[in-house]
PDB file of all heavy atoms in Angstrom:
ATOM      1  N   GLN A   1      22.597  17.100 -12.118  1.00  0.00           N
ATOM      2  CA  GLN A   1      21.790  18.001 -11.304  1.00  0.00           C
ATOM      3  C   GLN A   1      21.732  19.406 -11.880  1.00  0.00           C
ATOM      4  O   GLN A   1      20.780  20.137 -11.632  1.00  0.00           O
ATOM      5  CB  GLN A   1      22.320  18.037  -9.875  1.00  0.00           C
ATOM      6  CG  GLN A   1      22.189  16.717  -9.134  1.00  0.00           C
ATOM      7  CD  GLN A   1      20.762  16.180  -9.149  1.00  0.00           C
ATOM      8  OE1 GLN A   1      20.488  15.180  -9.787  1.00  0.00           O
ATOM      9  NE2 GLN A   1      19.854  16.846  -8.479  1.00  0.00           N
ATOM     10  N   ALA A   2      22.715  19.783 -12.680  1.00  0.00           N
ATOM     11  CA  ALA A   2      22.622  21.065 -13.381  1.00  0.00           C
ATOM     12  C   ALA A   2      21.446  21.048 -14.348  1.00  0.00           C
ATOM     13  O   ALA A   2      20.751  22.060 -14.524  1.00  0.00           O
ATOM     14  CB  ALA A   2      23.929  21.351 -14.120  1.00  0.00           C
ATOM     15  N   VAL A   3      21.210  19.894 -14.978  1.00  0.00           N
ATOM     16  CA  VAL A   3      20.043  19.756 -15.858  1.00  0.00           C
ATOM     17  C   VAL A   3      18.766  19.900 -15.048  1.00  0.00           C
ATOM     18  O   VAL A   3      17.799  20.553 -15.479  1.00  0.00           O
ATOM     19  CB  VAL A   3      20.093  18.403 -16.600  1.00  0.00           C
ATOM     20  CG1 VAL A   3      18.848  18.220 -17.459  1.00  0.00           C
ATOM     21  CG2 VAL A   3      21.350  18.312 -17.461  1.00  0.00           C
ATOM     22  N   TRP A   4      18.743  19.280 -13.854  1.00  0.00           N
ATOM     23  CA  TRP A   4      17.570  19.390 -12.975  1.00  0.00           C
ATOM     24  C   TRP A   4      17.329  20.857 -12.617  1.00  0.00           C
ATOM     25  O   TRP A   4      16.193  21.339 -12.647  1.00  0.00           O
ATOM     26  CB  TRP A   4      17.800  18.570 -11.718  1.00  0.00           C
ATOM     27  CG  TRP A   4      16.573  18.265 -10.904  1.00  0.00           C
ATOM     28  CD1 TRP A   4      15.840  17.116 -10.915  1.00  0.00           C
ATOM     29  CD2 TRP A   4      15.931  19.143  -9.949  1.00  0.00           C
ATOM     30  NE1 TRP A   4      14.792  17.215 -10.027  1.00  0.00           N
ATOM     31  CE2 TRP A   4      14.824  18.453  -9.421  1.00  0.00           C
ATOM     32  CE3 TRP A   4      16.197  20.428  -9.497  1.00  0.00           C
ATOM     33  CZ2 TRP A   4      13.988  19.001  -8.462  1.00  0.00           C
ATOM     34  CZ3 TRP A   4      15.340  20.995  -8.542  1.00  0.00           C
ATOM     35  CH2 TRP A   4      14.256  20.282  -8.038  1.00  0.00           C
ATOM     36  N   MET A   5      18.381  21.556 -12.277  1.00  0.00           N
ATOM     37  CA  MET A   5      18.253  22.967 -11.895  1.00  0.00           C
ATOM     38  C   MET A   5      17.719  23.804 -13.056  1.00  0.00           C
ATOM     39  O   MET A   5      16.825  24.652 -12.872  1.00  0.00           O
ATOM     40  CB  MET A   5      19.605  23.500 -11.436  1.00  0.00           C
ATOM     41  CG  MET A   5      20.137  22.830 -10.183  1.00  0.00           C
ATOM     42  SD  MET A   5      21.882  23.222  -9.861  1.00  0.00           S
ATOM     43  CE  MET A   5      21.743  24.933  -9.328  1.00  0.00           C
ATOM     44  N   LEU A   6      18.249  23.571 -14.243  1.00  0.00           N
ATOM     45  CA  LEU A   6      17.769  24.317 -15.409  1.00  0.00           C
ATOM     46  C   LEU A   6      16.301  24.034 -15.685  1.00  0.00           C
ATOM     47  O   LEU A   6      15.531  24.943 -16.003  1.00  0.00           O
ATOM     48  CB  LEU A   6      18.619  23.959 -16.632  1.00  0.00           C
ATOM     49  CG  LEU A   6      20.037  24.528 -16.675  1.00  0.00           C
ATOM     50  CD1 LEU A   6      20.797  23.956 -17.865  1.00  0.00           C
ATOM     51  CD2 LEU A   6      19.993  26.058 -16.768  1.00  0.00           C
ATOM     52  N   ASP A   7      15.924  22.768 -15.569  1.00  0.00           N
ATOM     53  CA  ASP A   7      14.531  22.422 -15.832  1.00  0.00           C
ATOM     54  C   ASP A   7      13.613  23.022 -14.771  1.00  0.00           C
ATOM     55  O   ASP A   7      12.511  23.487 -15.092  1.00  0.00           O
ATOM     56  CB  ASP A   7      14.362  20.900 -15.871  1.00  0.00           C
ATOM     57  CG  ASP A   7      12.992  20.498 -16.362  1.00  0.00           C
ATOM     58  OD1 ASP A   7      12.739  20.616 -17.576  1.00  0.00           O
ATOM     59  OD2 ASP A   7      12.144  20.080 -15.537  1.00  0.00           O
ATOM     60  N   PHE A   8      14.053  23.025 -13.527  1.00  0.00           N
ATOM     61  CA  PHE A   8      13.230  23.624 -12.469  1.00  0.00           C
ATOM     62  C   PHE A   8      13.021  25.109 -12.722  1.00  0.00           C
ATOM     63  O   PHE A   8      11.891  25.616 -12.647  1.00  0.00           O
ATOM     64  CB  PHE A   8      13.892  23.398 -11.112  1.00  0.00           C
ATOM     65  CG  PHE A   8      13.146  24.016  -9.974  1.00  0.00           C
ATOM     66  CD1 PHE A   8      12.090  23.353  -9.374  1.00  0.00           C
ATOM     67  CD2 PHE A   8      13.496  25.281  -9.507  1.00  0.00           C
ATOM     68  CE1 PHE A   8      11.384  23.935  -8.317  1.00  0.00           C
ATOM     69  CE2 PHE A   8      12.798  25.872  -8.458  1.00  0.00           C
ATOM     70  CZ  PHE A   8      11.744  25.197  -7.864  1.00  0.00           C
ATOM     71  N   LEU A   9      14.101  25.816 -13.015  1.00  0.00           N
ATOM     72  CA  LEU A   9      13.980  27.249 -13.273  1.00  0.00           C
ATOM     73  C   LEU A   9      13.139  27.520 -14.519  1.00  0.00           C
ATOM     74  O   LEU A   9      12.310  28.435 -14.536  1.00  0.00           O
ATOM     75  CB  LEU A   9      15.366  27.871 -13.417  1.00  0.00           C
ATOM     76  CG  LEU A   9      16.239  27.880 -12.159  1.00  0.00           C
ATOM     77  CD1 LEU A   9      17.649  28.392 -12.482  1.00  0.00           C
ATOM     78  CD2 LEU A   9      15.605  28.722 -11.061  1.00  0.00           C
ATOM     79  N   GLY A  10      13.351  26.697 -15.554  1.00  0.00           N
ATOM     80  CA  GLY A  10      12.555  26.857 -16.765  1.00  0.00           C
ATOM     81  C   GLY A  10      11.090  26.578 -16.523  1.00  0.00           C
ATOM     82  O   GLY A  10      10.208  27.312 -17.009  1.00  0.00           O
ATOM     83  N   SER A  11      10.786  25.521 -15.772  1.00  0.00           N
ATOM     84  CA  SER A  11       9.387  25.193 -15.461  1.00  0.00           C
ATOM     85  C   SER A  11       8.755  26.284 -14.617  1.00  0.00           C
ATOM     86  O   SER A  11       7.566  26.599 -14.774  1.00  0.00           O
ATOM     87  CB  SER A  11       9.322  23.849 -14.731  1.00  0.00           C
ATOM     88  OG  SER A  11       9.820  22.808 -15.542  1.00  0.00           O
ATOM     89  N   TRP A  12       9.526  26.843 -13.719  1.00  0.00           N
ATOM     90  CA  TRP A  12       9.030  27.937 -12.879  1.00  0.00           C
ATOM     91  C   TRP A  12       8.618  29.131 -13.736  1.00  0.00           C
ATOM     92  O   TRP A  12       7.640  29.831 -13.432  1.00  0.00           O
ATOM     93  CB  TRP A  12      10.115  28.323 -11.887  1.00  0.00           C
ATOM     94  CG  TRP A  12       9.717  29.329 -10.858  1.00  0.00           C
ATOM     95  CD1 TRP A  12       8.478  29.508 -10.296  1.00  0.00           C
ATOM     96  CD2 TRP A  12      10.571  30.299 -10.248  1.00  0.00           C
ATOM     97  NE1 TRP A  12       8.499  30.519  -9.377  1.00  0.00           N
ATOM     98  CE2 TRP A  12       9.769  31.032  -9.325  1.00  0.00           C
ATOM     99  CE3 TRP A  12      11.922  30.604 -10.376  1.00  0.00           C
ATOM    100  CZ2 TRP A  12      10.295  32.060  -8.550  1.00  0.00           C
ATOM    101  CZ3 TRP A  12      12.443  31.627  -9.597  1.00  0.00           C
ATOM    102  CH2 TRP A  12      11.632  32.346  -8.703  1.00  0.00           C
ATOM    103  N   MET A  13       9.344  29.349 -14.843  1.00  0.00           N
ATOM    104  CA  MET A  13       9.037  30.472 -15.731  1.00  0.00           C
ATOM    105  C   MET A  13       8.122  30.058 -16.883  1.00  0.00           C
ATOM    106  O   MET A  13       7.881  30.829 -17.801  1.00  0.00           O
ATOM    107  CB  MET A  13      10.339  31.061 -16.282  1.00  0.00           C
ATOM    108  CG  MET A  13      11.221  31.688 -15.209  1.00  0.00           C
ATOM    109  SD  MET A  13      12.737  32.450 -15.879  1.00  0.00           S
ATOM    110  CE  MET A  13      13.642  30.989 -16.383  1.00  0.00           C
ATOM    111  N   GLY A  14       7.630  28.814 -16.848  1.00  0.00           N
ATOM    112  CA  GLY A  14       6.739  28.337 -17.894  1.00  0.00           C
ATOM    113  C   GLY A  14       7.441  27.850 -19.133  1.00  0.00           C
ATOM    114  O   GLY A  14       6.797  27.665 -20.173  1.00  0.00           O
ATOM    115  N   LEU A  15       8.755  27.617 -19.038  1.00  0.00           N
ATOM    116  CA  LEU A  15       9.538  27.138 -20.178  1.00  0.00           C
ATOM    117  C   LEU A  15      10.356  25.921 -19.755  1.00  0.00           C
ATOM    118  O   LEU A  15      11.576  26.005 -19.567  1.00  0.00           O
ATOM    119  CB  LEU A  15      10.471  28.247 -20.695  1.00  0.00           C
ATOM    120  CG  LEU A  15       9.791  29.522 -21.203  1.00  0.00           C
ATOM    121  CD1 LEU A  15      10.836  30.613 -21.446  1.00  0.00           C
ATOM    122  CD2 LEU A  15       9.009  29.232 -22.476  1.00  0.00           C
ATOM    123  N   PRO A  16       9.690  24.773 -19.567  1.00  0.00           N
ATOM    124  CA  PRO A  16      10.416  23.581 -19.106  1.00  0.00           C
ATOM    125  C   PRO A  16      11.489  23.152 -20.095  1.00  0.00           C
ATOM    126  O   PRO A  16      11.320  23.254 -21.304  1.00  0.00           O
ATOM    127  CB  PRO A  16       9.315  22.524 -18.966  1.00  0.00           C
ATOM    128  CG  PRO A  16       8.212  23.002 -19.844  1.00  0.00           C
ATOM    129  CD  PRO A  16       8.268  24.499 -19.812  1.00  0.00           C
ATOM    130  N   PHE A  17      12.604  22.706 -19.553  1.00  0.00           N
ATOM    131  CA  PHE A  17      13.751  22.286 -20.353  1.00  0.00           C
ATOM    132  C   PHE A  17      13.621  20.821 -20.757  1.00  0.00           C
ATOM    133  O   PHE A  17      13.758  20.470 -21.928  1.00  0.00           O
ATOM    134  CB  PHE A  17      15.033  22.528 -19.555  1.00  0.00           C
ATOM    135  CG  PHE A  17      16.299  22.172 -20.279  1.00  0.00           C
ATOM    136  CD1 PHE A  17      16.618  22.770 -21.486  1.00  0.00           C
ATOM    137  CD2 PHE A  17      17.172  21.233 -19.756  1.00  0.00           C
ATOM    138  CE1 PHE A  17      17.790  22.440 -22.160  1.00  0.00           C
ATOM    139  CE2 PHE A  17      18.350  20.895 -20.412  1.00  0.00           C
ATOM    140  CZ  PHE A  17      18.647  21.502 -21.619  1.00  0.00           C
ATOM    141  N   THR A  18      13.352  19.942 -19.810  1.00  0.00           N
ATOM    142  CA  THR A  18      13.147  18.517 -20.095  1.00  0.00           C
ATOM    143  C   THR A  18      11.828  17.996 -19.559  1.00  0.00           C
ATOM    144  O   THR A  18      11.367  16.952 -19.994  1.00  0.00           O
ATOM    145  CB  THR A  18      14.281  17.670 -19.466  1.00  0.00           C
ATOM    146  OG1 THR A  18      14.194  17.760 -18.031  1.00  0.00           O
ATOM    147  CG2 THR A  18      15.645  18.155 -19.929  1.00  0.00           C
ATOM    148  N   GLY A  19      11.232  18.690 -18.612  1.00  0.00           N
ATOM    149  CA  GLY A  19      10.001  18.211 -17.984  1.00  0.00           C
ATOM    150  C   GLY A  19      10.245  17.320 -16.782  1.00  0.00           C
ATOM    151  O   GLY A  19       9.292  16.863 -16.143  1.00  0.00           O
ATOM    152  N   MET A  20      11.521  17.091 -16.409  1.00  0.00           N
ATOM    153  CA  MET A  20      11.817  16.164 -15.331  1.00  0.00           C
ATOM    154  C   MET A  20      11.425  16.708 -13.956  1.00  0.00           C
ATOM    155  O   MET A  20      11.320  15.940 -12.992  1.00  0.00           O
ATOM    156  CB  MET A  20      13.315  15.810 -15.342  1.00  0.00           C
ATOM    157  CG  MET A  20      14.231  16.966 -15.049  1.00  0.00           C
ATOM    158  SD  MET A  20      15.989  16.611 -15.364  1.00  0.00           S
ATOM    159  CE  MET A  20      16.261  15.157 -14.397  1.00  0.00           C
ATOM    160  N   THR A  21      11.213  18.016 -13.846  1.00  0.00           N
ATOM    161  CA  THR A  21      10.836  18.590 -12.554  1.00  0.00           C
ATOM    162  C   THR A  21       9.372  18.996 -12.514  1.00  0.00           C
ATOM    163  O   THR A  21       8.965  19.748 -11.624  1.00  0.00           O
ATOM    164  CB  THR A  21      11.705  19.816 -12.233  1.00  0.00           C
ATOM    165  OG1 THR A  21      11.469  20.832 -13.225  1.00  0.00           O
ATOM    166  CG2 THR A  21      13.182  19.462 -12.226  1.00  0.00           C
ATOM    167  N   ALA A  22       8.573  18.483 -13.414  1.00  0.00           N
ATOM    168  CA  ALA A  22       7.160  18.866 -13.443  1.00  0.00           C
ATOM    169  C   ALA A  22       6.467  18.530 -12.126  1.00  0.00           C
ATOM    170  O   ALA A  22       5.554  19.249 -11.690  1.00  0.00           O
ATOM    171  CB  ALA A  22       6.458  18.168 -14.608  1.00  0.00           C
ATOM    172  N   TYR A  23       6.912  17.451 -11.477  1.00  0.00           N
ATOM    173  CA  TYR A  23       6.279  17.040 -10.218  1.00  0.00           C
ATOM    174  C   TYR A  23       6.428  18.099  -9.127  1.00  0.00           C
ATOM    175  O   TYR A  23       5.614  18.154  -8.186  1.00  0.00           O
ATOM    176  CB  TYR A  23       6.877  15.713  -9.746  1.00  0.00           C
ATOM    177  CG  TYR A  23       8.303  15.803  -9.253  1.00  0.00           C
ATOM    178  CD1 TYR A  23       8.576  15.954  -7.888  1.00  0.00           C
ATOM    179  CD2 TYR A  23       9.389  15.741 -10.131  1.00  0.00           C
ATOM    180  CE1 TYR A  23       9.884  16.042  -7.424  1.00  0.00           C
ATOM    181  CE2 TYR A  23      10.685  15.822  -9.672  1.00  0.00           C
ATOM    182  CZ  TYR A  23      10.941  15.973  -8.328  1.00  0.00           C
ATOM    183  OH  TYR A  23      12.227  16.063  -7.880  1.00  0.00           O
ATOM    184  N   MET A  24       7.450  18.943  -9.239  1.00  0.00           N
ATOM    185  CA  MET A  24       7.672  19.960  -8.221  1.00  0.00           C
ATOM    186  C   MET A  24       6.592  21.036  -8.246  1.00  0.00           C
ATOM    187  O   MET A  24       6.483  21.833  -7.305  1.00  0.00           O
ATOM    188  CB  MET A  24       9.045  20.606  -8.423  1.00  0.00           C
ATOM    189  CG  MET A  24      10.216  19.685  -8.137  1.00  0.00           C
ATOM    190  SD  MET A  24      10.373  19.271  -6.385  1.00  0.00           S
ATOM    191  CE  MET A  24      10.922  20.821  -5.680  1.00  0.00           C
ATOM    192  N   PHE A  25       5.788  21.076  -9.290  1.00  0.00           N
ATOM    193  CA  PHE A  25       4.747  22.090  -9.426  1.00  0.00           C
ATOM    194  C   PHE A  25       3.350  21.482  -9.424  1.00  0.00           C
ATOM    195  O   PHE A  25       2.386  22.161  -9.785  1.00  0.00           O
ATOM    196  CB  PHE A  25       4.982  22.883 -10.713  1.00  0.00           C
ATOM    197  CG  PHE A  25       6.341  23.545 -10.761  1.00  0.00           C
ATOM    198  CD1 PHE A  25       7.425  22.898 -11.343  1.00  0.00           C
ATOM    199  CD2 PHE A  25       6.534  24.800 -10.212  1.00  0.00           C
ATOM    200  CE1 PHE A  25       8.676  23.491 -11.381  1.00  0.00           C
ATOM    201  CE2 PHE A  25       7.787  25.408 -10.247  1.00  0.00           C
ATOM    202  CZ  PHE A  25       8.863  24.753 -10.830  1.00  0.00           C
ATOM    203  N   GLN A  26       3.254  20.225  -8.994  1.00  0.00           N
ATOM    204  CA  GLN A  26       1.964  19.544  -8.927  1.00  0.00           C
ATOM    205  C   GLN A  26       1.368  19.704  -7.537  1.00  0.00           C
ATOM    206  O   GLN A  26       1.958  19.279  -6.539  1.00  0.00           O
ATOM    207  CB  GLN A  26       2.132  18.055  -9.256  1.00  0.00           C
ATOM    208  CG  GLN A  26       2.523  17.785 -10.699  1.00  0.00           C
ATOM    209  CD  GLN A  26       2.780  16.314 -10.970  1.00  0.00           C
ATOM    210  OE1 GLN A  26       2.724  15.480 -10.066  1.00  0.00           O
ATOM    211  NE2 GLN A  26       3.058  15.989 -12.218  1.00  0.00           N
ATOM    212  N   ASP A  27       0.188  20.320  -7.470  1.00  0.00           N
ATOM    213  CA  ASP A  27      -0.465  20.539  -6.180  1.00  0.00           C
ATOM    214  C   ASP A  27      -0.881  19.233  -5.521  1.00  0.00           C
ATOM    215  O   ASP A  27      -1.082  19.191  -4.297  1.00  0.00           O
ATOM    216  CB  ASP A  27      -1.690  21.438  -6.354  1.00  0.00           C
ATOM    217  CG  ASP A  27      -1.301  22.848  -6.777  1.00  0.00           C
ATOM    218  OD1 ASP A  27      -0.162  23.255  -6.474  1.00  0.00           O
ATOM    219  OD2 ASP A  27      -2.131  23.526  -7.411  1.00  0.00           O
ATOM    220  N   SER A  28      -1.010  18.161  -6.324  1.00  0.00           N
ATOM    221  CA  SER A  28      -1.396  16.874  -5.754  1.00  0.00           C
ATOM    222  C   SER A  28      -0.293  16.272  -4.889  1.00  0.00           C
ATOM    223  O   SER A  28      -0.546  15.409  -4.050  1.00  0.00           O
ATOM    224  CB  SER A  28      -1.758  15.888  -6.874  1.00  0.00           C
ATOM    225  OG  SER A  28      -0.662  15.714  -7.765  1.00  0.00           O
ATOM    226  N   LEU A  29       0.929  16.733  -5.082  1.00  0.00           N
ATOM    227  CA  LEU A  29       2.058  16.251  -4.288  1.00  0.00           C
ATOM    228  C   LEU A  29       2.195  17.148  -3.061  1.00  0.00           C
ATOM    229  O   LEU A  29       2.198  18.375  -3.186  1.00  0.00           O
ATOM    230  CB  LEU A  29       3.339  16.300  -5.115  1.00  0.00           C
ATOM    231  CG  LEU A  29       4.543  15.521  -4.591  1.00  0.00           C
ATOM    232  CD1 LEU A  29       4.261  14.013  -4.610  1.00  0.00           C
ATOM    233  CD2 LEU A  29       5.780  15.828  -5.432  1.00  0.00           C
ATOM    234  N   PRO A  30       2.279  16.564  -1.857  1.00  0.00           N
ATOM    235  CA  PRO A  30       2.371  17.396  -0.649  1.00  0.00           C
ATOM    236  C   PRO A  30       3.526  18.385  -0.732  1.00  0.00           C
ATOM    237  O   PRO A  30       4.602  18.082  -1.244  1.00  0.00           O
ATOM    238  CB  PRO A  30       2.600  16.365   0.466  1.00  0.00           C
ATOM    239  CG  PRO A  30       2.014  15.090  -0.058  1.00  0.00           C
ATOM    240  CD  PRO A  30       2.249  15.121  -1.549  1.00  0.00           C
ATOM    241  N   LEU A  31       3.287  19.571  -0.206  1.00  0.00           N
ATOM    242  CA  LEU A  31       4.306  20.618  -0.241  1.00  0.00           C
ATOM    243  C   LEU A  31       5.563  20.185   0.511  1.00  0.00           C
ATOM    244  O   LEU A  31       6.688  20.505   0.096  1.00  0.00           O
ATOM    245  CB  LEU A  31       3.740  21.905   0.363  1.00  0.00           C
ATOM    246  CG  LEU A  31       4.664  23.129   0.363  1.00  0.00           C
ATOM    247  CD1 LEU A  31       5.037  23.513  -1.060  1.00  0.00           C
ATOM    248  CD2 LEU A  31       3.985  24.300   1.089  1.00  0.00           C
ATOM    249  N   PHE A  32       5.393  19.432   1.591  1.00  0.00           N
ATOM    250  CA  PHE A  32       6.562  18.983   2.362  1.00  0.00           C
ATOM    251  C   PHE A  32       7.424  18.037   1.530  1.00  0.00           C
ATOM    252  O   PHE A  32       8.659  18.105   1.595  1.00  0.00           O
ATOM    253  CB  PHE A  32       6.101  18.287   3.645  1.00  0.00           C
ATOM    254  CG  PHE A  32       7.243  17.861   4.528  1.00  0.00           C
ATOM    255  CD1 PHE A  32       8.030  18.795   5.164  1.00  0.00           C
ATOM    256  CD2 PHE A  32       7.513  16.508   4.711  1.00  0.00           C
ATOM    257  CE1 PHE A  32       9.085  18.400   5.982  1.00  0.00           C
ATOM    258  CE2 PHE A  32       8.565  16.103   5.518  1.00  0.00           C
ATOM    259  CZ  PHE A  32       9.358  17.055   6.164  1.00  0.00           C
ATOM    260  N   THR A  33       6.791  17.181   0.749  1.00  0.00           N
ATOM    261  CA  THR A  33       7.536  16.279  -0.119  1.00  0.00           C
ATOM    262  C   THR A  33       8.337  17.064  -1.142  1.00  0.00           C
ATOM    263  O   THR A  33       9.509  16.761  -1.414  1.00  0.00           O
ATOM    264  CB  THR A  33       6.577  15.321  -0.838  1.00  0.00           C
ATOM    265  OG1 THR A  33       5.838  14.572   0.142  1.00  0.00           O
ATOM    266  CG2 THR A  33       7.331  14.352  -1.736  1.00  0.00           C
ATOM    267  N   ARG A  34       7.726  18.088  -1.703  1.00  0.00           N
ATOM    268  CA  ARG A  34       8.431  18.917  -2.689  1.00  0.00           C
ATOM    269  C   ARG A  34       9.544  19.717  -2.026  1.00  0.00           C
ATOM    270  O   ARG A  34      10.599  19.945  -2.639  1.00  0.00           O
ATOM    271  CB  ARG A  34       7.435  19.838  -3.389  1.00  0.00           C
ATOM    272  CG  ARG A  34       6.515  19.096  -4.376  1.00  0.00           C
ATOM    273  CD  ARG A  34       5.543  20.037  -5.035  1.00  0.00           C
ATOM    274  NE  ARG A  34       4.410  20.323  -4.188  1.00  0.00           N
ATOM    275  CZ  ARG A  34       3.553  21.324  -4.372  1.00  0.00           C
ATOM    276  NH1 ARG A  34       3.755  22.178  -5.366  1.00  0.00           N
ATOM    277  NH2 ARG A  34       2.532  21.494  -3.565  1.00  0.00           N
ATOM    278  N   PHE A  35       9.333  20.134  -0.787  1.00  0.00           N
ATOM    279  CA  PHE A  35      10.387  20.832  -0.052  1.00  0.00           C
ATOM    280  C   PHE A  35      11.610  19.932   0.119  1.00  0.00           C
ATOM    281  O   PHE A  35      12.753  20.358  -0.095  1.00  0.00           O
ATOM    282  CB  PHE A  35       9.863  21.276   1.308  1.00  0.00           C
ATOM    283  CG  PHE A  35      10.945  21.651   2.278  1.00  0.00           C
ATOM    284  CD1 PHE A  35      11.621  22.855   2.166  1.00  0.00           C
ATOM    285  CD2 PHE A  35      11.288  20.778   3.308  1.00  0.00           C
ATOM    286  CE1 PHE A  35      12.630  23.190   3.061  1.00  0.00           C
ATOM    287  CE2 PHE A  35      12.297  21.113   4.209  1.00  0.00           C
ATOM    288  CZ  PHE A  35      12.969  22.317   4.087  1.00  0.00           C
ATOM    289  N   LEU A  36      11.393  18.681   0.492  1.00  0.00           N
ATOM    290  CA  LEU A  36      12.514  17.751   0.646  1.00  0.00           C
ATOM    291  C   LEU A  36      13.208  17.511  -0.690  1.00  0.00           C
ATOM    292  O   LEU A  36      14.441  17.460  -0.763  1.00  0.00           O
ATOM    293  CB  LEU A  36      12.014  16.423   1.227  1.00  0.00           C
ATOM    294  CG  LEU A  36      11.532  16.449   2.683  1.00  0.00           C
ATOM    295  CD1 LEU A  36      11.038  15.065   3.086  1.00  0.00           C
ATOM    296  CD2 LEU A  36      12.634  16.916   3.627  1.00  0.00           C
ATOM    297  N   SER A  37      12.423  17.369  -1.745  1.00  0.00           N
ATOM    298  CA  SER A  37      13.013  17.092  -3.055  1.00  0.00           C
ATOM    299  C   SER A  37      13.791  18.266  -3.610  1.00  0.00           C
ATOM    300  O   SER A  37      14.595  18.094  -4.539  1.00  0.00           O
ATOM    301  CB  SER A  37      11.908  16.695  -4.050  1.00  0.00           C
ATOM    302  OG  SER A  37      12.451  16.215  -5.257  1.00  0.00           O
ATOM    303  N   PHE A  38      13.605  19.435  -3.029  1.00  0.00           N
ATOM    304  CA  PHE A  38      14.339  20.606  -3.508  1.00  0.00           C
ATOM    305  C   PHE A  38      15.840  20.487  -3.236  1.00  0.00           C
ATOM    306  O   PHE A  38      16.625  21.295  -3.740  1.00  0.00           O
ATOM    307  CB  PHE A  38      13.775  21.875  -2.857  1.00  0.00           C
ATOM    308  CG  PHE A  38      14.265  23.148  -3.484  1.00  0.00           C
ATOM    309  CD1 PHE A  38      13.930  23.480  -4.796  1.00  0.00           C
ATOM    310  CD2 PHE A  38      15.087  24.018  -2.779  1.00  0.00           C
ATOM    311  CE1 PHE A  38      14.391  24.649  -5.379  1.00  0.00           C
ATOM    312  CE2 PHE A  38      15.548  25.191  -3.355  1.00  0.00           C
ATOM    313  CZ  PHE A  38      15.195  25.506  -4.655  1.00  0.00           C
ATOM    314  N   PHE A  39      16.244  19.449  -2.490  1.00  0.00           N
ATOM    315  CA  PHE A  39      17.679  19.258  -2.292  1.00  0.00           C
ATOM    316  C   PHE A  39      18.394  19.014  -3.617  1.00  0.00           C
ATOM    317  O   PHE A  39      19.602  19.248  -3.724  1.00  0.00           O
ATOM    318  CB  PHE A  39      17.951  18.105  -1.319  1.00  0.00           C
ATOM    319  CG  PHE A  39      17.971  16.725  -1.941  1.00  0.00           C
ATOM    320  CD1 PHE A  39      19.129  16.228  -2.523  1.00  0.00           C
ATOM    321  CD2 PHE A  39      16.843  15.923  -1.934  1.00  0.00           C
ATOM    322  CE1 PHE A  39      19.169  14.954  -3.087  1.00  0.00           C
ATOM    323  CE2 PHE A  39      16.863  14.651  -2.479  1.00  0.00           C
ATOM    324  CZ  PHE A  39      18.030  14.158  -3.072  1.00  0.00           C
ATOM    325  N   HIS A  40      17.665  18.554  -4.643  1.00  0.00           N
ATOM    326  CA  HIS A  40      18.281  18.387  -5.958  1.00  0.00           C
ATOM    327  C   HIS A  40      18.825  19.708  -6.491  1.00  0.00           C
ATOM    328  O   HIS A  40      19.781  19.715  -7.287  1.00  0.00           O
ATOM    329  CB  HIS A  40      17.252  17.835  -6.957  1.00  0.00           C
ATOM    330  CG  HIS A  40      16.807  16.440  -6.660  1.00  0.00           C
ATOM    331  ND1 HIS A  40      15.758  16.165  -5.823  1.00  0.00           N
ATOM    332  CD2 HIS A  40      17.279  15.237  -7.092  1.00  0.00           C
ATOM    333  CE1 HIS A  40      15.581  14.851  -5.754  1.00  0.00           C
ATOM    334  NE2 HIS A  40      16.493  14.270  -6.504  1.00  0.00           N
TER     335      HIS A  40
END
């Protein structure tokens, strides 16, 4: 999950680490679903 956290922060800044959290920034995915997944 530390890898997930790094990738999320990197993707947020436009520098993805692995790309595993790209779905968290996809508008096609409901915001509520992404909110729940933020537990990672």
